[in-house]
Amino acid sequence: MTTLGENLSEVPLLVSIPGIGIKTALCLIAELGDVRRFHSANAINAYIGIDLIRYESGQYEAKMHIRKRGNPYARKILYRAILNIISVSQYQPTLISANYKRKKQSAQSHGTKKIAIAAMSQFNRLMHHLILNNELYDSTTFMPE
């Protein structure tokens, strides 16, 4: 599997993100296809089903939740990727892991999975940016001081 993916230009870009390995990058590319076809990171969120939906009727407003109408395999791969990014964050911190930890410490009402969904959305924005601009992940660029 890894020998087939060596020809893909997106693989080194995704592997440059701490916590993302070759197999994870290949699985994401296999499920998403060409990321350049999405006009924004929100379109990727909608494709994998983590876009938020709100139900409103008259004065009633329900809590927002994810749509789950997208690709479930890509959603699971992305969730596992976020867990990998968080697990290596003590050695190689990223903006995604820093935001995840900050939200987990500050918000008692938010569950871990809700915070992970927000991290998945942030990862999609980062992935979309890196692939469209054909640049490697640089912690000095994407990590605030």
N, C-alpha and C. Protein backbone atom coordinates (compact mmCIF):
# COMPACT_ATOMS: atom_id res chain seq x y z
N MET A 1 0.83 -1.19 0.00
CA MET A 1 0.00 0.00 0.00
C MET A 1 0.87 1.26 0.00
N THR A 2 1.95 1.23 0.78
CA THR A 2 2.78 2.43 0.84
C THR A 2 3.56 2.65 -0.44
N THR A 3 3.90 1.58 -1.15
CA THR A 3 4.64 1.76 -2.40
C THR A 3 3.75 2.37 -3.48
N LEU A 4 2.46 2.06 -3.44
CA LEU A 4 1.54 2.67 -4.40
C LEU A 4 1.34 4.16 -4.13
N GLY A 5 1.40 4.54 -2.87
CA GLY A 5 1.15 5.92 -2.51
C GLY A 5 2.35 6.83 -2.60
N GLU A 6 3.52 6.28 -2.90
CA GLU A 6 4.71 7.12 -2.99
C GLU A 6 4.63 8.12 -4.14
N ASN A 7 3.82 7.82 -5.14
CA ASN A 7 3.70 8.71 -6.30
C ASN A 7 2.75 9.87 -6.05
N LEU A 8 1.95 9.80 -5.00
CA LEU A 8 0.98 10.86 -4.72
C LEU A 8 1.68 12.07 -4.11
N SER A 9 1.37 13.24 -4.62
CA SER A 9 2.02 14.45 -4.13
C SER A 9 1.49 14.89 -2.77
N GLU A 10 0.30 14.42 -2.39
CA GLU A 10 -0.30 14.84 -1.12
C GLU A 10 0.30 14.13 0.08
N VAL A 11 0.86 12.94 -0.13
CA VAL A 11 1.34 12.13 1.00
C VAL A 11 2.43 12.85 1.81
N PRO A 12 3.50 13.38 1.20
CA PRO A 12 4.50 14.06 2.03
C PRO A 12 3.95 15.30 2.73
N LEU A 13 2.96 15.93 2.15
CA LEU A 13 2.37 17.12 2.78
C LEU A 13 1.63 16.74 4.05
N LEU A 14 0.88 15.63 4.00
CA LEU A 14 0.13 15.19 5.17
C LEU A 14 1.04 14.56 6.22
N VAL A 15 2.05 13.83 5.78
CA VAL A 15 2.97 13.18 6.71
C VAL A 15 3.81 14.22 7.46
N SER A 16 3.94 15.41 6.92
CA SER A 16 4.70 16.46 7.60
C SER A 16 3.98 16.95 8.86
N ILE A 17 2.70 16.66 9.01
CA ILE A 17 1.95 17.02 10.22
C ILE A 17 2.30 16.01 11.30
N PRO A 18 2.75 16.46 12.48
CA PRO A 18 3.10 15.52 13.55
C PRO A 18 1.89 14.66 13.95
N GLY A 19 2.11 13.35 14.00
CA GLY A 19 1.05 12.42 14.36
C GLY A 19 0.38 11.75 13.18
N ILE A 20 0.66 12.21 11.97
CA ILE A 20 0.07 11.61 10.77
C ILE A 20 1.14 10.75 10.10
N GLY A 21 0.84 9.47 9.97
CA GLY A 21 1.76 8.54 9.33
C GLY A 21 1.38 8.31 7.88
N ILE A 22 2.17 7.49 7.23
CA ILE A 22 1.94 7.22 5.81
C ILE A 22 0.61 6.51 5.59
N LYS A 23 0.31 5.52 6.43
CA LYS A 23 -0.95 4.78 6.25
C LYS A 23 -2.16 5.67 6.49
N THR A 24 -2.09 6.52 7.49
CA THR A 24 -3.20 7.44 7.75
C THR A 24 -3.38 8.40 6.58
N ALA A 25 -2.28 8.93 6.08
CA ALA A 25 -2.35 9.85 4.94
C ALA A 25 -2.93 9.16 3.72
N LEU A 26 -2.50 7.93 3.46
CA LEU A 26 -3.01 7.20 2.30
C LEU A 26 -4.50 6.88 2.45
N CYS A 27 -4.90 6.49 3.66
CA CYS A 27 -6.32 6.19 3.88
C CYS A 27 -7.19 7.44 3.71
N LEU A 28 -6.71 8.58 4.20
CA LEU A 28 -7.46 9.83 4.03
C LEU A 28 -7.57 10.20 2.55
N ILE A 29 -6.48 10.08 1.83
CA ILE A 29 -6.51 10.40 0.40
C ILE A 29 -7.41 9.43 -0.35
N ALA A 30 -7.38 8.16 0.05
CA ALA A 30 -8.22 7.17 -0.61
C ALA A 30 -9.70 7.45 -0.39
N GLU A 31 -10.07 7.88 0.80
CA GLU A 31 -11.48 8.15 1.10
C GLU A 31 -11.94 9.50 0.58
N LEU A 32 -11.06 10.50 0.62
CA LEU A 32 -11.47 11.85 0.19
C LEU A 32 -11.27 12.07 -1.30
N GLY A 33 -10.35 11.37 -1.89
CA GLY A 33 -10.03 11.63 -3.29
C GLY A 33 -9.13 12.86 -3.37
N ASP A 34 -9.21 13.56 -4.47
CA ASP A 34 -8.41 14.76 -4.66
C ASP A 34 -9.00 15.89 -3.83
N VAL A 35 -8.25 16.37 -2.86
CA VAL A 35 -8.73 17.42 -1.95
C VAL A 35 -8.91 18.74 -2.69
N ARG A 36 -8.22 18.91 -3.81
CA ARG A 36 -8.33 20.15 -4.57
C ARG A 36 -9.72 20.36 -5.18
N ARG A 37 -10.51 19.31 -5.26
CA ARG A 37 -11.85 19.44 -5.83
C ARG A 37 -12.82 20.13 -4.88
N PHE A 38 -12.48 20.22 -3.60
CA PHE A 38 -13.33 20.90 -2.63
C PHE A 38 -13.02 22.39 -2.64
N HIS A 39 -14.03 23.22 -2.74
CA HIS A 39 -13.79 24.66 -2.82
C HIS A 39 -13.38 25.26 -1.48
N SER A 40 -13.67 24.57 -0.38
CA SER A 40 -13.28 25.06 0.94
C SER A 40 -13.18 23.88 1.90
N ALA A 41 -12.64 24.16 3.08
CA ALA A 41 -12.56 23.12 4.11
C ALA A 41 -13.95 22.76 4.62
N ASN A 42 -14.89 23.70 4.56
CA ASN A 42 -16.26 23.40 4.97
C ASN A 42 -16.89 22.37 4.05
N ALA A 43 -16.50 22.37 2.79
CA ALA A 43 -17.00 21.36 1.86
C ALA A 43 -16.46 19.98 2.23
N ILE A 44 -15.24 19.92 2.73
CA ILE A 44 -14.69 18.64 3.21
C ILE A 44 -15.46 18.19 4.45
N ASN A 45 -15.75 19.14 5.34
CA ASN A 45 -16.54 18.80 6.53
C ASN A 45 -17.89 18.23 6.14
N ALA A 46 -18.53 18.82 5.15
CA ALA A 46 -19.83 18.32 4.70
C ALA A 46 -19.69 16.95 4.05
N TYR A 47 -18.61 16.73 3.32
CA TYR A 47 -18.41 15.46 2.63
C TYR A 47 -18.25 14.31 3.63
N ILE A 48 -17.57 14.57 4.75
CA ILE A 48 -17.40 13.50 5.72
C ILE A 48 -18.47 13.51 6.80
N GLY A 49 -19.34 14.51 6.79
CA GLY A 49 -20.49 14.51 7.68
C GLY A 49 -20.27 15.13 9.04
N ILE A 50 -19.31 16.03 9.18
CA ILE A 50 -19.13 16.70 10.47
C ILE A 50 -19.57 18.16 10.41
N ASP A 51 -20.34 18.50 9.38
CA ASP A 51 -20.88 19.86 9.33
C ASP A 51 -22.04 19.94 10.32
N LEU A 52 -22.19 21.10 10.93
CA LEU A 52 -23.19 21.27 11.98
C LEU A 52 -24.55 21.60 11.38
N ILE A 53 -25.58 21.07 12.04
CA ILE A 53 -26.95 21.34 11.62
C ILE A 53 -27.71 21.82 12.85
N ARG A 54 -28.61 22.75 12.63
CA ARG A 54 -29.42 23.29 13.71
C ARG A 54 -30.89 23.11 13.36
N TYR A 55 -31.65 22.59 14.28
CA TYR A 55 -33.08 22.44 14.08
C TYR A 55 -33.79 23.58 14.79
N GLU A 56 -34.62 24.31 14.04
CA GLU A 56 -35.39 25.42 14.60
C GLU A 56 -36.84 25.29 14.16
N SER A 57 -37.73 25.58 15.09
CA SER A 57 -39.15 25.59 14.77
C SER A 57 -39.83 26.60 15.68
N GLY A 58 -40.25 27.71 15.11
CA GLY A 58 -40.87 28.76 15.91
C GLY A 58 -39.88 29.32 16.91
N GLN A 59 -40.23 29.26 18.18
CA GLN A 59 -39.36 29.74 19.25
C GLN A 59 -38.36 28.68 19.71
N TYR A 60 -38.56 27.44 19.26
CA TYR A 60 -37.72 26.33 19.71
C TYR A 60 -36.43 26.26 18.90
N GLU A 61 -35.32 26.14 19.60
CA GLU A 61 -34.03 25.94 18.96
C GLU A 61 -33.35 24.77 19.64
N ALA A 62 -33.12 23.71 18.89
CA ALA A 62 -32.45 22.54 19.44
C ALA A 62 -30.94 22.76 19.44
N LYS A 63 -30.23 21.91 20.16
CA LYS A 63 -28.78 21.98 20.17
C LYS A 63 -28.24 21.59 18.80
N MET A 64 -27.11 22.18 18.46
CA MET A 64 -26.49 21.85 17.18
C MET A 64 -25.82 20.48 17.29
N HIS A 65 -25.85 19.73 16.20
CA HIS A 65 -25.19 18.44 16.15
C HIS A 65 -24.65 18.22 14.75
N ILE A 66 -23.79 17.21 14.61
CA ILE A 66 -23.23 16.96 13.28
C ILE A 66 -24.24 16.20 12.44
N ARG A 67 -24.13 16.36 11.14
CA ARG A 67 -25.11 15.81 10.22
C ARG A 67 -24.97 14.29 10.03
N LYS A 68 -23.75 13.76 10.04
CA LYS A 68 -23.45 12.33 9.87
C LYS A 68 -23.95 11.76 8.55
N ARG A 69 -24.12 12.58 7.53
CA ARG A 69 -24.57 12.08 6.24
C ARG A 69 -23.42 11.81 5.28
N GLY A 70 -22.24 12.06 5.73
CA GLY A 70 -21.10 11.92 4.84
C GLY A 70 -20.46 10.55 4.90
N ASN A 71 -19.23 10.50 4.48
CA ASN A 71 -18.46 9.27 4.41
C ASN A 71 -18.07 8.82 5.82
N PRO A 72 -18.64 7.72 6.31
CA PRO A 72 -18.33 7.30 7.69
C PRO A 72 -16.90 6.79 7.84
N TYR A 73 -16.33 6.22 6.79
CA TYR A 73 -14.96 5.72 6.87
C TYR A 73 -13.97 6.87 7.00
N ALA A 74 -14.18 7.92 6.23
CA ALA A 74 -13.30 9.09 6.33
C ALA A 74 -13.44 9.74 7.70
N ARG A 75 -14.65 9.74 8.24
CA ARG A 75 -14.89 10.32 9.56
C ARG A 75 -14.11 9.53 10.62
N LYS A 76 -14.13 8.21 10.54
CA LYS A 76 -13.41 7.38 11.51
C LYS A 76 -11.90 7.53 11.37
N ILE A 77 -11.42 7.58 10.15
CA ILE A 77 -9.98 7.76 9.92
C ILE A 77 -9.53 9.11 10.47
N LEU A 78 -10.32 10.13 10.24
CA LEU A 78 -9.98 11.47 10.71
C LEU A 78 -10.01 11.53 12.24
N TYR A 79 -10.96 10.85 12.86
CA TYR A 79 -11.04 10.82 14.33
C TYR A 79 -9.79 10.15 14.90
N ARG A 80 -9.38 9.04 14.30
CA ARG A 80 -8.17 8.35 14.76
C ARG A 80 -6.93 9.22 14.53
N ALA A 81 -6.92 9.97 13.44
CA ALA A 81 -5.80 10.86 13.17
C ALA A 81 -5.69 11.95 14.24
N ILE A 82 -6.83 12.47 14.67
CA ILE A 82 -6.83 13.49 15.73
C ILE A 82 -6.29 12.90 17.03
N LEU A 83 -6.69 11.67 17.34
CA LEU A 83 -6.17 11.03 18.55
C LEU A 83 -4.65 10.84 18.46
N ASN A 84 -4.15 10.53 17.26
CA ASN A 84 -2.70 10.41 17.07
C ASN A 84 -2.00 11.75 17.25
N ILE A 85 -2.59 12.79 16.70
CA ILE A 85 -2.00 14.13 16.83
C ILE A 85 -1.93 14.54 18.30
N ILE A 86 -2.97 14.23 19.05
CA ILE A 86 -3.00 14.58 20.47
C ILE A 86 -2.00 13.74 21.26
N SER A 87 -1.85 12.47 20.88
CA SER A 87 -0.94 11.60 21.64
C SER A 87 0.53 11.99 21.45
N VAL A 88 0.90 12.52 20.30
CA VAL A 88 2.30 12.92 20.09
C VAL A 88 2.53 14.39 20.45
N SER A 89 1.52 15.06 20.98
CA SER A 89 1.62 16.50 21.21
C SER A 89 2.62 16.87 22.30
N GLN A 90 2.92 15.96 23.22
CA GLN A 90 3.88 16.32 24.24
C GLN A 90 5.30 16.39 23.67
N TYR A 91 5.54 15.70 22.55
CA TYR A 91 6.85 15.75 21.90
C TYR A 91 6.87 16.75 20.74
N GLN A 92 5.77 16.79 19.99
CA GLN A 92 5.67 17.68 18.84
C GLN A 92 4.32 18.41 18.89
N PRO A 93 4.25 19.51 19.62
CA PRO A 93 2.97 20.21 19.75
C PRO A 93 2.53 20.84 18.43
N THR A 94 1.23 20.83 18.21
CA THR A 94 0.63 21.48 17.05
C THR A 94 -0.46 22.42 17.53
N LEU A 95 -0.92 23.26 16.65
CA LEU A 95 -2.01 24.16 16.99
C LEU A 95 -3.28 23.37 17.29
N ILE A 96 -3.49 22.27 16.57
CA ILE A 96 -4.67 21.44 16.78
C ILE A 96 -4.67 20.86 18.19
N SER A 97 -3.53 20.30 18.61
CA SER A 97 -3.47 19.70 19.94
C SER A 97 -3.54 20.77 21.04
N ALA A 98 -2.96 21.93 20.80
CA ALA A 98 -3.02 23.01 21.78
C ALA A 98 -4.46 23.48 21.98
N ASN A 99 -5.20 23.65 20.88
CA ASN A 99 -6.60 24.05 20.99
C ASN A 99 -7.44 22.97 21.64
N TYR A 100 -7.16 21.70 21.32
CA TYR A 100 -7.89 20.58 21.93
C TYR A 100 -7.70 20.59 23.44
N LYS A 101 -6.46 20.72 23.89
CA LYS A 101 -6.18 20.71 25.33
C LYS A 101 -6.78 21.92 26.03
N ARG A 102 -6.71 23.08 25.37
CA ARG A 102 -7.27 24.30 25.96
C ARG A 102 -8.77 24.17 26.13
N LYS A 103 -9.46 23.67 25.10
CA LYS A 103 -10.91 23.51 25.19
C LYS A 103 -11.30 22.45 26.20
N LYS A 104 -10.50 21.41 26.31
CA LYS A 104 -10.82 20.33 27.25
C LYS A 104 -10.67 20.81 28.68
N GLN A 105 -9.70 21.67 28.96
CA GLN A 105 -9.50 22.18 30.30
C GLN A 105 -10.52 23.25 30.68
N SER A 106 -10.90 24.09 29.72
CA SER A 106 -11.75 25.22 30.05
C SER A 106 -13.24 24.89 30.06
N ALA A 107 -13.68 24.04 29.17
CA ALA A 107 -15.11 23.78 29.04
C ALA A 107 -15.48 22.47 29.71
N GLN A 108 -16.26 22.57 30.77
CA GLN A 108 -16.69 21.37 31.46
C GLN A 108 -17.93 20.77 30.83
N SER A 109 -18.71 21.59 30.14
CA SER A 109 -19.96 21.10 29.56
C SER A 109 -19.74 20.37 28.23
N HIS A 110 -18.63 20.64 27.57
CA HIS A 110 -18.36 19.99 26.29
C HIS A 110 -17.76 18.62 26.53
N GLY A 111 -18.23 17.65 25.78
CA GLY A 111 -17.67 16.32 25.87
C GLY A 111 -16.41 16.21 25.05
N THR A 112 -15.67 15.15 25.29
CA THR A 112 -14.42 14.92 24.57
C THR A 112 -14.66 14.76 23.08
N LYS A 113 -15.75 14.10 22.71
CA LYS A 113 -16.01 13.88 21.29
C LYS A 113 -16.38 15.18 20.58
N LYS A 114 -17.09 16.07 21.27
CA LYS A 114 -17.42 17.37 20.66
C LYS A 114 -16.15 18.17 20.39
N ILE A 115 -15.23 18.11 21.33
CA ILE A 115 -13.97 18.82 21.15
C ILE A 115 -13.16 18.17 20.04
N ALA A 116 -13.24 16.84 19.93
CA ALA A 116 -12.54 16.13 18.86
C ALA A 116 -13.12 16.50 17.49
N ILE A 117 -14.44 16.70 17.42
CA ILE A 117 -15.07 17.11 16.16
C ILE A 117 -14.55 18.49 15.75
N ALA A 118 -14.40 19.39 16.72
CA ALA A 118 -13.84 20.71 16.42
C ALA A 118 -12.39 20.58 15.93
N ALA A 119 -11.64 19.67 16.53
CA ALA A 119 -10.26 19.43 16.09
C ALA A 119 -10.23 18.83 14.69
N MET A 120 -11.20 17.97 14.37
CA MET A 120 -11.28 17.39 13.03
C MET A 120 -11.53 18.48 12.00
N SER A 121 -12.40 19.41 12.34
CA SER A 121 -12.68 20.53 11.44
C SER A 121 -11.43 21.39 11.24
N GLN A 122 -10.70 21.61 12.31
CA GLN A 122 -9.48 22.40 12.21
C GLN A 122 -8.43 21.65 11.38
N PHE A 123 -8.35 20.33 11.54
CA PHE A 123 -7.43 19.54 10.73
C PHE A 123 -7.80 19.63 9.25
N ASN A 124 -9.09 19.61 8.95
CA ASN A 124 -9.52 19.73 7.55
C ASN A 124 -9.09 21.06 6.95
N ARG A 125 -9.19 22.14 7.74
CA ARG A 125 -8.74 23.44 7.25
C ARG A 125 -7.24 23.43 6.98
N LEU A 126 -6.49 22.82 7.90
CA LEU A 126 -5.04 22.74 7.74
C LEU A 126 -4.68 21.88 6.52
N MET A 127 -5.31 20.72 6.39
CA MET A 127 -5.04 19.83 5.27
C MET A 127 -5.37 20.51 3.94
N HIS A 128 -6.50 21.18 3.88
CA HIS A 128 -6.92 21.87 2.66
C HIS A 128 -5.91 22.95 2.29
N HIS A 129 -5.45 23.70 3.28
CA HIS A 129 -4.47 24.76 3.03
C HIS A 129 -3.15 24.18 2.54
N LEU A 130 -2.66 23.14 3.20
CA LEU A 130 -1.36 22.56 2.83
C LEU A 130 -1.39 22.00 1.42
N ILE A 131 -2.47 21.30 1.07
CA ILE A 131 -2.53 20.67 -0.25
C ILE A 131 -2.74 21.70 -1.35
N LEU A 132 -3.60 22.69 -1.11
CA LEU A 132 -3.83 23.71 -2.14
C LEU A 132 -2.58 24.55 -2.40
N ASN A 133 -1.85 24.86 -1.35
CA ASN A 133 -0.65 25.70 -1.50
C ASN A 133 0.62 24.88 -1.69
N ASN A 134 0.50 23.56 -1.64
CA ASN A 134 1.62 22.64 -1.85
C ASN A 134 2.79 22.98 -0.92
N GLU A 135 2.49 23.10 0.37
CA GLU A 135 3.54 23.38 1.35
C GLU A 135 3.52 22.35 2.46
N LEU A 136 4.69 22.12 3.04
CA LEU A 136 4.82 21.21 4.16
C LEU A 136 4.41 21.92 5.44
N TYR A 137 4.01 21.13 6.44
CA TYR A 137 3.64 21.69 7.73
C TYR A 137 4.88 22.24 8.40
N ASP A 138 4.78 23.46 8.89
CA ASP A 138 5.88 24.10 9.60
C ASP A 138 5.32 24.60 10.92
N SER A 139 5.84 24.09 12.03
CA SER A 139 5.28 24.44 13.33
C SER A 139 5.47 25.91 13.66
N THR A 140 6.48 26.56 13.09
CA THR A 140 6.68 27.98 13.37
C THR A 140 5.61 28.83 12.68
N THR A 141 5.10 28.35 11.56
CA THR A 141 4.07 29.09 10.84
C THR A 141 2.70 28.89 11.47
N PHE A 142 2.40 27.65 11.86
CA PHE A 142 1.06 27.31 12.31
C PHE A 142 0.91 27.27 13.82
N MET A 143 1.93 27.62 14.57
CA MET A 143 1.87 27.60 16.02
C MET A 143 2.07 29.00 16.55
N PRO A 144 1.11 29.57 17.30
CA PRO A 144 1.30 30.91 17.84
C PRO A 144 2.36 30.90 18.94
N GLU A 145 2.97 32.04 19.15
CA GLU A 145 4.02 32.15 20.18
C GLU A 145 3.43 32.09 21.56
